Amino acid sequence: MTRRFIALGTATILSVCCVVSASSSSAQGTPRGDTYYGQYSFGFEKSEFIPSGTHERWWLSGNIGDIEQRAISPVFVSVEGQLSEPGRYGHLGAYSRELIVKRVLLVQQSAR
């Protein structure tokens, strides 16, 4: 009976550790890359991404050459990437975060 309680206690502790580890890694960023949607405006010293449903402005970097070659700014995009911690990013540190694009999923011309 004691062995059963020890085994059950060990399994419970391991389960809690896994949940805590998973939640802390997702809170610190997106190591696997998450999908983001929003409006992207680009130009000289500008690479501004505004995620849908927010008023935040993020600096977009990484694999974005395809967007700028296929469309005229501004565009609606869906990208997979890794989001930075809050800070100062981009030209003159004007952006609150940096989204490093791993893959462009959708580029759609926005109405001006």
PDB file of N, CA and C in Angstrom:
ATOM      1  N   MET A   1       0.821  -1.189   0.000  1.00  0.00           N
ATOM      2  CA  MET A   1       0.000   0.000   0.000  1.00  0.00           C
ATOM      3  C   MET A   1       0.871   1.262   0.000  1.00  0.00           C
ATOM      4  N   THR A   2       1.953   1.259   0.770  1.00  0.00           N
ATOM      5  CA  THR A   2       2.838   2.414   0.842  1.00  0.00           C
ATOM      6  C   THR A   2       3.494   2.660  -0.507  1.00  0.00           C
ATOM      7  N   ARG A   3       3.875   1.593  -1.189  1.00  0.00           N
ATOM      8  CA  ARG A   3       4.494   1.748  -2.516  1.00  0.00           C
ATOM      9  C   ARG A   3       3.525   2.397  -3.497  1.00  0.00           C
ATOM     10  N   ARG A   4       2.262   2.040  -3.395  1.00  0.00           N
ATOM     11  CA  ARG A   4       1.262   2.617  -4.285  1.00  0.00           C
ATOM     12  C   ARG A   4       1.147   4.129  -4.046  1.00  0.00           C
ATOM     13  N   PHE A   5       1.151   4.564  -2.779  1.00  0.00           N
ATOM     14  CA  PHE A   5       1.092   5.998  -2.464  1.00  0.00           C
ATOM     15  C   PHE A   5       2.337   6.729  -2.953  1.00  0.00           C
ATOM     16  N   ILE A   6       3.487   6.107  -2.806  1.00  0.00           N
ATOM     17  CA  ILE A   6       4.733   6.730  -3.279  1.00  0.00           C
ATOM     18  C   ILE A   6       4.698   6.880  -4.796  1.00  0.00           C
ATOM     19  N   ALA A   7       4.261   5.835  -5.487  1.00  0.00           N
ATOM     20  CA  ALA A   7       4.183   5.891  -6.947  1.00  0.00           C
ATOM     21  C   ALA A   7       3.178   6.953  -7.387  1.00  0.00           C
ATOM     22  N   LEU A   8       2.030   7.005  -6.710  1.00  0.00           N
ATOM     23  CA  LEU A   8       1.010   7.997  -7.048  1.00  0.00           C
ATOM     24  C   LEU A   8       1.519   9.414  -6.784  1.00  0.00           C
ATOM     25  N   GLY A   9       2.206   9.603  -5.670  1.00  0.00           N
ATOM     26  CA  GLY A   9       2.770  10.911  -5.332  1.00  0.00           C
ATOM     27  C   GLY A   9       3.823  11.338  -6.335  1.00  0.00           C
ATOM     28  N   THR A  10       4.674  10.420  -6.756  1.00  0.00           N
ATOM     29  CA  THR A  10       5.717  10.717  -7.740  1.00  0.00           C
ATOM     30  C   THR A  10       5.089  11.099  -9.086  1.00  0.00           C
ATOM     31  N   ALA A  11       4.070  10.353  -9.500  1.00  0.00           N
ATOM     32  CA  ALA A  11       3.397  10.653 -10.767  1.00  0.00           C
ATOM     33  C   ALA A  11       2.736  12.030 -10.713  1.00  0.00           C
ATOM     34  N   THR A  12       2.140  12.368  -9.577  1.00  0.00           N
ATOM     35  CA  THR A  12       1.499  13.671  -9.427  1.00  0.00           C
ATOM     36  C   THR A  12       2.520  14.797  -9.521  1.00  0.00           C
ATOM     37  N   ILE A  13       3.642  14.645  -8.844  1.00  0.00           N
ATOM     38  CA  ILE A  13       4.696  15.663  -8.869  1.00  0.00           C
ATOM     39  C   ILE A  13       5.232  15.845 -10.283  1.00  0.00           C
ATOM     40  N   LEU A  14       5.464  14.746 -10.992  1.00  0.00           N
ATOM     41  CA  LEU A  14       5.962  14.834 -12.363  1.00  0.00           C
ATOM     42  C   LEU A  14       4.951  15.524 -13.269  1.00  0.00           C
ATOM     43  N   SER A  15       3.676  15.242 -13.088  1.00  0.00           N
ATOM     44  CA  SER A  15       2.634  15.881 -13.896  1.00  0.00           C
ATOM     45  C   SER A  15       2.600  17.383 -13.671  1.00  0.00           C
ATOM     46  N   VAL A  16       2.695  17.795 -12.425  1.00  0.00           N
ATOM     47  CA  VAL A  16       2.695  19.222 -12.098  1.00  0.00           C
ATOM     48  C   VAL A  16       3.919  19.903 -12.701  1.00  0.00           C
ATOM     49  N   CYS A  17       5.076  19.258 -12.621  1.00  0.00           N
ATOM     50  CA  CYS A  17       6.302  19.831 -13.201  1.00  0.00           C
ATOM     51  C   CYS A  17       6.161  20.021 -14.704  1.00  0.00           C
ATOM     52  N   CYS A  18       5.551  19.051 -15.385  1.00  0.00           N
ATOM     53  CA  CYS A  18       5.357  19.172 -16.834  1.00  0.00           C
ATOM     54  C   CYS A  18       4.434  20.321 -17.183  1.00  0.00           C
ATOM     55  N   VAL A  19       3.358  20.487 -16.441  1.00  0.00           N
ATOM     56  CA  VAL A  19       2.410  21.575 -16.699  1.00  0.00           C
ATOM     57  C   VAL A  19       3.076  22.919 -16.456  1.00  0.00           C
ATOM     58  N   VAL A  20       3.813  23.059 -15.373  1.00  0.00           N
ATOM     59  CA  VAL A  20       4.498  24.310 -15.057  1.00  0.00           C
ATOM     60  C   VAL A  20       5.532  24.616 -16.126  1.00  0.00           C
ATOM     61  N   SER A  21       6.279  23.622 -16.553  1.00  0.00           N
ATOM     62  CA  SER A  21       7.291  23.825 -17.583  1.00  0.00           C
ATOM     63  C   SER A  21       6.664  24.261 -18.893  1.00  0.00           C
ATOM     64  N   ALA A  22       5.577  23.622 -19.299  1.00  0.00           N
ATOM     65  CA  ALA A  22       4.913  23.975 -20.555  1.00  0.00           C
ATOM     66  C   ALA A  22       4.337  25.381 -20.498  1.00  0.00           C
ATOM     67  N   SER A  23       3.717  25.745 -19.389  1.00  0.00           N
ATOM     68  CA  SER A  23       3.122  27.077 -19.315  1.00  0.00           C
ATOM     69  C   SER A  23       4.182  28.163 -19.241  1.00  0.00           C
ATOM     70  N   SER A  24       5.307  27.909 -18.595  1.00  0.00           N
ATOM     71  CA  SER A  24       6.329  28.942 -18.513  1.00  0.00           C
ATOM     72  C   SER A  24       7.024  29.132 -19.849  1.00  0.00           C
ATOM     73  N   SER A  25       7.188  28.079 -20.646  1.00  0.00           N
ATOM     74  CA  SER A  25       7.827  28.263 -21.945  1.00  0.00           C
ATOM     75  C   SER A  25       6.925  29.023 -22.892  1.00  0.00           C
ATOM     76  N   SER A  26       5.608  28.820 -22.823  1.00  0.00           N
ATOM     77  CA  SER A  26       4.729  29.571 -23.707  1.00  0.00           C
ATOM     78  C   SER A  26       4.609  31.014 -23.250  1.00  0.00           C
ATOM     79  N   ALA A  27       4.757  31.276 -21.970  1.00  0.00           N
ATOM     80  CA  ALA A  27       4.685  32.649 -21.477  1.00  0.00           C
ATOM     81  C   ALA A  27       5.935  33.432 -21.864  1.00  0.00           C
ATOM     82  N   GLN A  28       7.038  32.756 -22.115  1.00  0.00           N
ATOM     83  CA  GLN A  28       8.292  33.433 -22.424  1.00  0.00           C
ATOM     84  C   GLN A  28       8.471  33.688 -23.913  1.00  0.00           C
ATOM     85  N   GLY A  29       7.570  33.273 -24.733  1.00  0.00           N
ATOM     86  CA  GLY A  29       7.718  33.466 -26.166  1.00  0.00           C
ATOM     87  C   GLY A  29       7.127  32.283 -26.897  1.00  0.00           C
ATOM     88  N   THR A  30       7.525  32.106 -28.113  1.00  0.00           N
ATOM     89  CA  THR A  30       6.975  31.030 -28.917  1.00  0.00           C
ATOM     90  C   THR A  30       8.089  30.235 -29.566  1.00  0.00           C
ATOM     91  N   PRO A  31       8.686  29.300 -28.831  1.00  0.00           N
ATOM     92  CA  PRO A  31       9.829  28.581 -29.392  1.00  0.00           C
ATOM     93  C   PRO A  31       9.478  27.789 -30.647  1.00  0.00           C
ATOM     94  N   ARG A  32       8.242  27.298 -30.754  1.00  0.00           N
ATOM     95  CA  ARG A  32       7.875  26.507 -31.928  1.00  0.00           C
ATOM     96  C   ARG A  32       7.345  27.384 -33.045  1.00  0.00           C
ATOM     97  N   GLY A  33       6.978  28.608 -32.747  1.00  0.00           N
ATOM     98  CA  GLY A  33       6.407  29.512 -33.735  1.00  0.00           C
ATOM     99  C   GLY A  33       4.896  29.455 -33.711  1.00  0.00           C
ATOM    100  N   ASP A  34       4.261  30.563 -33.445  1.00  0.00           N
ATOM    101  CA  ASP A  34       2.812  30.652 -33.446  1.00  0.00           C
ATOM    102  C   ASP A  34       2.376  31.420 -34.689  1.00  0.00           C
ATOM    103  N   THR A  35       1.088  31.410 -34.963  1.00  0.00           N
ATOM    104  CA  THR A  35       0.544  32.109 -36.114  1.00  0.00           C
ATOM    105  C   THR A  35      -0.038  33.445 -35.680  1.00  0.00           C
ATOM    106  N   TYR A  36       0.285  34.485 -36.428  1.00  0.00           N
ATOM    107  CA  TYR A  36      -0.172  35.840 -36.140  1.00  0.00           C
ATOM    108  C   TYR A  36      -0.832  36.420 -37.385  1.00  0.00           C
ATOM    109  N   TYR A  37      -1.895  37.210 -37.177  1.00  0.00           N
ATOM    110  CA  TYR A  37      -2.638  37.847 -38.253  1.00  0.00           C
ATOM    111  C   TYR A  37      -2.659  39.349 -37.996  1.00  0.00           C
ATOM    112  N   GLY A  38      -2.591  40.119 -39.054  1.00  0.00           N
ATOM    113  CA  GLY A  38      -2.707  41.549 -38.871  1.00  0.00           C
ATOM    114  C   GLY A  38      -2.298  42.324 -40.096  1.00  0.00           C
ATOM    115  N   GLN A  39      -2.227  43.645 -39.929  1.00  0.00           N
ATOM    116  CA  GLN A  39      -1.852  44.531 -41.022  1.00  0.00           C
ATOM    117  C   GLN A  39      -0.367  44.838 -40.951  1.00  0.00           C
ATOM    118  N   TYR A  40       0.270  44.764 -42.104  1.00  0.00           N
ATOM    119  CA  TYR A  40       1.704  45.021 -42.199  1.00  0.00           C
ATOM    120  C   TYR A  40       1.931  46.182 -43.169  1.00  0.00           C
ATOM    121  N   SER A  41       2.634  47.201 -42.675  1.00  0.00           N
ATOM    122  CA  SER A  41       3.020  48.346 -43.500  1.00  0.00           C
ATOM    123  C   SER A  41       4.537  48.394 -43.539  1.00  0.00           C
ATOM    124  N   PHE A  42       5.070  48.603 -44.724  1.00  0.00           N
ATOM    125  CA  PHE A  42       6.528  48.605 -44.854  1.00  0.00           C
ATOM    126  C   PHE A  42       6.972  49.715 -45.782  1.00  0.00           C
ATOM    127  N   GLY A  43       8.208  50.090 -45.635  1.00  0.00           N
ATOM    128  CA  GLY A  43       8.802  51.142 -46.448  1.00  0.00           C
ATOM    129  C   GLY A  43      10.156  51.509 -45.878  1.00  0.00           C
ATOM    130  N   PHE A  44      10.651  52.684 -46.241  1.00  0.00           N
ATOM    131  CA  PHE A  44      11.942  53.139 -45.762  1.00  0.00           C
ATOM    132  C   PHE A  44      11.913  53.257 -44.240  1.00  0.00           C
ATOM    133  N   GLU A  45      12.762  52.500 -43.566  1.00  0.00           N
ATOM    134  CA  GLU A  45      12.878  52.477 -42.102  1.00  0.00           C
ATOM    135  C   GLU A  45      11.554  52.148 -41.414  1.00  0.00           C
ATOM    136  N   LYS A  46      10.703  51.400 -42.086  1.00  0.00           N
ATOM    137  CA  LYS A  46       9.406  51.022 -41.513  1.00  0.00           C
ATOM    138  C   LYS A  46       9.127  49.556 -41.810  1.00  0.00           C
ATOM    139  N   SER A  47       8.758  48.827 -40.771  1.00  0.00           N
ATOM    140  CA  SER A  47       8.349  47.427 -40.882  1.00  0.00           C
ATOM    141  C   SER A  47       7.352  47.179 -39.757  1.00  0.00           C
ATOM    142  N   GLU A  48       6.172  47.761 -39.894  1.00  0.00           N
ATOM    143  CA  GLU A  48       5.187  47.826 -38.818  1.00  0.00           C
ATOM    144  C   GLU A  48       4.092  46.780 -38.979  1.00  0.00           C
ATOM    145  N   PHE A  49       3.937  45.966 -37.944  1.00  0.00           N
ATOM    146  CA  PHE A  49       2.890  44.950 -37.910  1.00  0.00           C
ATOM    147  C   PHE A  49       1.934  45.290 -36.779  1.00  0.00           C
ATOM    148  N   ILE A  50       0.642  45.389 -37.092  1.00  0.00           N
ATOM    149  CA  ILE A  50      -0.391  45.643 -36.083  1.00  0.00           C
ATOM    150  C   ILE A  50      -1.246  44.383 -36.009  1.00  0.00           C
ATOM    151  N   PRO A  51      -1.105  43.600 -34.934  1.00  0.00           N
ATOM    152  CA  PRO A  51      -1.893  42.370 -34.810  1.00  0.00           C
ATOM    153  C   PRO A  51      -3.388  42.671 -34.769  1.00  0.00           C
ATOM    154  N   SER A  52      -4.165  41.827 -35.424  1.00  0.00           N
ATOM    155  CA  SER A  52      -5.622  42.005 -35.435  1.00  0.00           C
ATOM    156  C   SER A  52      -6.165  42.066 -34.022  1.00  0.00           C
ATOM    157  N   GLY A  53      -7.070  43.012 -33.790  1.00  0.00           N
ATOM    158  CA  GLY A  53      -7.713  43.153 -32.494  1.00  0.00           C
ATOM    159  C   GLY A  53      -6.918  43.952 -31.477  1.00  0.00           C
ATOM    160  N   THR A  54      -5.784  44.536 -31.892  1.00  0.00           N
ATOM    161  CA  THR A  54      -4.976  45.329 -30.961  1.00  0.00           C
ATOM    162  C   THR A  54      -4.606  46.666 -31.600  1.00  0.00           C
ATOM    163  N   HIS A  55      -3.988  47.519 -30.786  1.00  0.00           N
ATOM    164  CA  HIS A  55      -3.431  48.771 -31.287  1.00  0.00           C
ATOM    165  C   HIS A  55      -1.922  48.770 -31.118  1.00  0.00           C
ATOM    166  N   GLU A  56      -1.361  47.612 -30.750  1.00  0.00           N
ATOM    167  CA  GLU A  56       0.085  47.506 -30.583  1.00  0.00           C
ATOM    168  C   GLU A  56       0.772  47.608 -31.931  1.00  0.00           C
ATOM    169  N   ARG A  57       2.022  48.045 -31.910  1.00  0.00           N
ATOM    170  CA  ARG A  57       2.843  48.120 -33.119  1.00  0.00           C
ATOM    171  C   ARG A  57       4.102  47.298 -32.883  1.00  0.00           C
ATOM    172  N   TRP A  58       4.298  46.283 -33.719  1.00  0.00           N
ATOM    173  CA  TRP A  58       5.466  45.409 -33.606  1.00  0.00           C
ATOM    174  C   TRP A  58       6.351  45.570 -34.830  1.00  0.00           C
ATOM    175  N   TRP A  59       7.653  45.410 -34.618  1.00  0.00           N
ATOM    176  CA  TRP A  59       8.619  45.402 -35.706  1.00  0.00           C
ATOM    177  C   TRP A  59       8.619  43.999 -36.304  1.00  0.00           C
ATOM    178  N   LEU A  60       8.455  43.904 -37.621  1.00  0.00           N
ATOM    179  CA  LEU A  60       8.438  42.617 -38.306  1.00  0.00           C
ATOM    180  C   LEU A  60       9.790  42.405 -38.958  1.00  0.00           C
ATOM    181  N   SER A  61      10.387  41.245 -38.729  1.00  0.00           N
ATOM    182  CA  SER A  61      11.687  40.917 -39.324  1.00  0.00           C
ATOM    183  C   SER A  61      11.704  39.440 -39.686  1.00  0.00           C
ATOM    184  N   GLY A  62      12.838  38.988 -40.148  1.00  0.00           N
ATOM    185  CA  GLY A  62      12.965  37.577 -40.505  1.00  0.00           C
ATOM    186  C   GLY A  62      12.669  37.345 -41.972  1.00  0.00           C
ATOM    187  N   ASN A  63      11.933  36.298 -42.259  1.00  0.00           N
ATOM    188  CA  ASN A  63      11.641  35.861 -43.622  1.00  0.00           C
ATOM    189  C   ASN A  63      10.470  36.663 -44.205  1.00  0.00           C
ATOM    190  N   ILE A  64      10.695  37.957 -44.476  1.00  0.00           N
ATOM    191  CA  ILE A  64       9.603  38.825 -44.950  1.00  0.00           C
ATOM    192  C   ILE A  64       9.809  39.338 -46.371  1.00  0.00           C
ATOM    193  N   GLY A  65      10.903  38.983 -47.000  1.00  0.00           N
ATOM    194  CA  GLY A  65      11.189  39.459 -48.353  1.00  0.00           C
ATOM    195  C   GLY A  65      10.094  39.125 -49.337  1.00  0.00           C
ATOM    196  N   ASP A  66       9.472  37.971 -49.165  1.00  0.00           N
ATOM    197  CA  ASP A  66       8.404  37.540 -50.061  1.00  0.00           C
ATOM    198  C   ASP A  66       7.207  38.493 -49.996  1.00  0.00           C
ATOM    199  N   ILE A  67       6.920  39.014 -48.811  1.00  0.00           N
ATOM    200  CA  ILE A  67       5.784  39.941 -48.659  1.00  0.00           C
ATOM    201  C   ILE A  67       6.051  41.211 -49.453  1.00  0.00           C
ATOM    202  N   GLU A  68       7.212  41.781 -49.279  1.00  0.00           N
ATOM    203  CA  GLU A  68       7.541  43.058 -49.901  1.00  0.00           C
ATOM    204  C   GLU A  68       7.680  42.948 -51.413  1.00  0.00           C
ATOM    205  N   GLN A  69       7.988  41.767 -51.924  1.00  0.00           N
ATOM    206  CA  GLN A  69       8.106  41.575 -53.369  1.00  0.00           C
ATOM    207  C   GLN A  69       6.749  41.331 -54.022  1.00  0.00           C
ATOM    208  N   ARG A  70       5.779  40.816 -53.271  1.00  0.00           N
ATOM    209  CA  ARG A  70       4.485  40.427 -53.843  1.00  0.00           C
ATOM    210  C   ARG A  70       3.401  41.489 -53.727  1.00  0.00           C
ATOM    211  N   ALA A  71       3.598  42.505 -52.890  1.00  0.00           N
ATOM    212  CA  ALA A  71       2.488  43.419 -52.624  1.00  0.00           C
ATOM    213  C   ALA A  71       2.974  44.851 -52.410  1.00  0.00           C
ATOM    214  N   ILE A  72       2.011  45.750 -52.414  1.00  0.00           N
ATOM    215  CA  ILE A  72       2.260  47.157 -52.122  1.00  0.00           C
ATOM    216  C   ILE A  72       1.708  47.432 -50.725  1.00  0.00           C
ATOM    217  N   SER A  73       2.454  48.148 -49.923  1.00  0.00           N
ATOM    218  CA  SER A  73       2.078  48.444 -48.541  1.00  0.00           C
ATOM    219  C   SER A  73       0.836  49.330 -48.497  1.00  0.00           C
ATOM    220  N   PRO A  74      -0.091  49.105 -47.575  1.00  0.00           N
ATOM    221  CA  PRO A  74      -0.148  48.093 -46.519  1.00  0.00           C
ATOM    222  C   PRO A  74      -0.818  46.803 -47.020  1.00  0.00           C
ATOM    223  N   VAL A  75      -0.567  45.703 -46.303  1.00  0.00           N
ATOM    224  CA  VAL A  75      -1.152  44.412 -46.642  1.00  0.00           C
ATOM    225  C   VAL A  75      -1.648  43.726 -45.373  1.00  0.00           C
ATOM    226  N   PHE A  76      -2.586  42.813 -45.553  1.00  0.00           N
ATOM    227  CA  PHE A  76      -3.006  41.938 -44.467  1.00  0.00           C
ATOM    228  C   PHE A  76      -2.175  40.678 -44.600  1.00  0.00           C
ATOM    229  N   VAL A  77      -1.563  40.230 -43.505  1.00  0.00           N
ATOM    230  CA  VAL A  77      -0.716  39.042 -43.561  1.00  0.00           C
ATOM    231  C   VAL A  77      -1.081  38.062 -42.458  1.00  0.00           C
ATOM    232  N   SER A  78      -0.758  36.834 -42.730  1.00  0.00           N
ATOM    233  CA  SER A  78      -0.788  35.770 -41.742  1.00  0.00           C
ATOM    234  C   SER A  78       0.592  35.148 -41.794  1.00  0.00           C
ATOM    235  N   VAL A  79       1.280  35.145 -40.645  1.00  0.00           N
ATOM    236  CA  VAL A  79       2.645  34.634 -40.605  1.00  0.00           C
ATOM    237  C   VAL A  79       2.837  33.709 -39.407  1.00  0.00           C
ATOM    238  N   GLU A  80       3.797  32.851 -39.534  1.00  0.00           N
ATOM    239  CA  GLU A  80       4.212  32.010 -38.419  1.00  0.00           C
ATOM    240  C   GLU A  80       5.545  32.556 -37.946  1.00  0.00           C
ATOM    241  N   GLY A  81       5.674  32.772 -36.647  1.00  0.00           N
ATOM    242  CA  GLY A  81       6.917  33.344 -36.172  1.00  0.00           C
ATOM    243  C   GLY A  81       7.066  33.300 -34.669  1.00  0.00           C
ATOM    244  N   GLN A  82       8.127  33.933 -34.218  1.00  0.00           N
ATOM    245  CA  GLN A  82       8.464  33.965 -32.800  1.00  0.00           C
ATOM    246  C   GLN A  82       8.396  35.405 -32.305  1.00  0.00           C
ATOM    247  N   LEU A  83       7.631  35.618 -31.249  1.00  0.00           N
ATOM    248  CA  LEU A  83       7.431  36.945 -30.683  1.00  0.00           C
ATOM    249  C   LEU A  83       8.431  37.205 -29.566  1.00  0.00           C
ATOM    250  N   SER A  84       9.022  38.379 -29.585  1.00  0.00           N
ATOM    251  CA  SER A  84      10.006  38.763 -28.566  1.00  0.00           C
ATOM    252  C   SER A  84       9.328  39.160 -27.255  1.00  0.00           C
ATOM    253  N   GLU A  85      10.136  39.360 -26.271  1.00  0.00           N
ATOM    254  CA  GLU A  85       9.690  39.952 -25.016  1.00  0.00           C
ATOM    255  C   GLU A  85       9.435  41.442 -25.262  1.00  0.00           C
ATOM    256  N   PRO A  86       8.621  42.098 -24.437  1.00  0.00           N
ATOM    257  CA  PRO A  86       8.420  43.546 -24.590  1.00  0.00           C
ATOM    258  C   PRO A  86       9.751  44.289 -24.470  1.00  0.00           C
ATOM    259  N   GLY A  87       9.891  45.342 -25.239  1.00  0.00           N
ATOM    260  CA  GLY A  87      11.125  46.133 -25.230  1.00  0.00           C
ATOM    261  C   GLY A  87      11.024  47.248 -26.251  1.00  0.00           C
ATOM    262  N   ARG A  88      12.181  47.597 -26.815  1.00  0.00           N
ATOM    263  CA  ARG A  88      12.237  48.630 -27.851  1.00  0.00           C
ATOM    264  C   ARG A  88      12.915  48.016 -29.064  1.00  0.00           C
ATOM    265  N   TYR A  89      12.191  47.968 -30.167  1.00  0.00           N
ATOM    266  CA  TYR A  89      12.692  47.302 -31.366  1.00  0.00           C
ATOM    267  C   TYR A  89      12.508  48.187 -32.587  1.00  0.00           C
ATOM    268  N   GLY A  90      13.224  47.834 -33.653  1.00  0.00           N
ATOM    269  CA  GLY A  90      13.059  48.506 -34.932  1.00  0.00           C
ATOM    270  C   GLY A  90      13.699  49.870 -34.979  1.00  0.00           C
ATOM    271  N   HIS A  91      13.331  50.617 -36.004  1.00  0.00           N
ATOM    272  CA  HIS A  91      13.900  51.935 -36.238  1.00  0.00           C
ATOM    273  C   HIS A  91      13.636  52.857 -35.048  1.00  0.00           C
ATOM    274  N   LEU A  92      14.697  53.364 -34.473  1.00  0.00           N
ATOM    275  CA  LEU A  92      14.659  54.263 -33.316  1.00  0.00           C
ATOM    276  C   LEU A  92      13.955  53.654 -32.096  1.00  0.00           C
ATOM    277  N   GLY A  93      13.862  52.332 -32.045  1.00  0.00           N
ATOM    278  CA  GLY A  93      13.232  51.660 -30.908  1.00  0.00           C
ATOM    279  C   GLY A  93      11.755  51.991 -30.758  1.00  0.00           C
ATOM    280  N   ALA A  94      11.090  52.259 -31.867  1.00  0.00           N
ATOM    281  CA  ALA A  94       9.703  52.743 -31.833  1.00  0.00           C
ATOM    282  C   ALA A  94       8.650  51.644 -31.672  1.00  0.00           C
ATOM    283  N   TYR A  95       9.062  50.394 -31.649  1.00  0.00           N
ATOM    284  CA  TYR A  95       8.096  49.291 -31.609  1.00  0.00           C
ATOM    285  C   TYR A  95       8.237  48.503 -30.312  1.00  0.00           C
ATOM    286  N   SER A  96       7.103  48.090 -29.747  1.00  0.00           N
ATOM    287  CA  SER A  96       7.098  47.445 -28.430  1.00  0.00           C
ATOM    288  C   SER A  96       7.565  45.994 -28.437  1.00  0.00           C
ATOM    289  N   ARG A  97       7.518  45.339 -29.577  1.00  0.00           N
ATOM    290  CA  ARG A  97       7.962  43.944 -29.706  1.00  0.00           C
ATOM    291  C   ARG A  97       8.512  43.720 -31.108  1.00  0.00           C
ATOM    292  N   GLU A  98       9.184  42.590 -31.258  1.00  0.00           N
ATOM    293  CA  GLU A  98       9.650  42.170 -32.573  1.00  0.00           C
ATOM    294  C   GLU A  98       9.069  40.800 -32.869  1.00  0.00           C
ATOM    295  N   LEU A  99       8.504  40.659 -34.049  1.00  0.00           N
ATOM    296  CA  LEU A  99       7.991  39.374 -34.503  1.00  0.00           C
ATOM    297  C   LEU A  99       8.925  38.885 -35.601  1.00  0.00           C
ATOM    298  N   ILE A 100       9.634  37.805 -35.306  1.00  0.00           N
ATOM    299  CA  ILE A 100      10.577  37.237 -36.268  1.00  0.00           C
ATOM    300  C   ILE A 100       9.835  36.182 -37.081  1.00  0.00           C
ATOM    301  N   VAL A 101       9.613  36.466 -38.350  1.00  0.00           N
ATOM    302  CA  VAL A 101       8.822  35.608 -39.224  1.00  0.00           C
ATOM    303  C   VAL A 101       9.636  34.403 -39.665  1.00  0.00           C
ATOM    304  N   LYS A 102       9.042  33.234 -39.480  1.00  0.00           N
ATOM    305  CA  LYS A 102       9.645  31.996 -39.976  1.00  0.00           C
ATOM    306  C   LYS A 102       9.041  31.605 -41.318  1.00  0.00           C
ATOM    307  N   ARG A 103       7.726  31.881 -41.455  1.00  0.00           N
ATOM    308  CA  ARG A 103       7.041  31.471 -42.681  1.00  0.00           C
ATOM    309  C   ARG A 103       5.854  32.396 -42.942  1.00  0.00           C
ATOM    310  N   VAL A 104       5.713  32.833 -44.176  1.00  0.00           N
ATOM    311  CA  VAL A 104       4.575  33.648 -44.590  1.00  0.00           C
ATOM    312  C   VAL A 104       3.474  32.702 -45.055  1.00  0.00           C
ATOM    313  N   LEU A 105       2.287  32.820 -44.462  1.00  0.00           N
ATOM    314  CA  LEU A 105       1.169  31.941 -44.796  1.00  0.00           C
ATOM    315  C   LEU A 105       0.198  32.598 -45.786  1.00  0.00           C
ATOM    316  N   LEU A 106      -0.008  33.922 -45.661  1.00  0.00           N
ATOM    317  CA  LEU A 106      -0.976  34.624 -46.504  1.00  0.00           C
ATOM    318  C   LEU A 106      -0.556  36.080 -46.647  1.00  0.00           C
ATOM    319  N   VAL A 107      -0.689  36.601 -47.865  1.00  0.00           N
ATOM    320  CA  VAL A 107      -0.487  38.028 -48.132  1.00  0.00           C
ATOM    321  C   VAL A 107      -1.686  38.474 -48.955  1.00  0.00           C
ATOM    322  N   GLN A 108      -2.394  39.478 -48.441  1.00  0.00           N
ATOM    323  CA  GLN A 108      -3.594  39.955 -49.133  1.00  0.00           C
ATOM    324  C   GLN A 108      -3.555  41.475 -49.150  1.00  0.00           C
ATOM    325  N   GLN A 109      -3.731  42.062 -50.314  1.00  0.00           N
ATOM    326  CA  GLN A 109      -3.694  43.508 -50.431  1.00  0.00           C
ATOM    327  C   GLN A 109      -4.795  44.149 -49.612  1.00  0.00           C
ATOM    328  N   SER A 110      -4.438  45.152 -48.800  1.00  0.00           N
ATOM    329  CA  SER A 110      -5.416  45.881 -47.987  1.00  0.00           C
ATOM    330  C   SER A 110      -5.973  47.043 -48.788  1.00  0.00           C
ATOM    331  N   ALA A 111      -7.184  47.435 -48.450  1.00  0.00           N
ATOM    332  CA  ALA A 111      -7.758  48.642 -49.055  1.00  0.00           C
ATOM    333  C   ALA A 111      -7.047  49.834 -48.448  1.00  0.00           C
ATOM    334  N   ARG A 112      -6.718  50.792 -49.238  1.00  0.00           N
ATOM    335  CA  ARG A 112      -5.991  51.968 -48.720  1.00  0.00           C
ATOM    336  C   ARG A 112      -6.882  52.902 -48.042  1.00  0.00           C
TER     337      ARG A 112
END
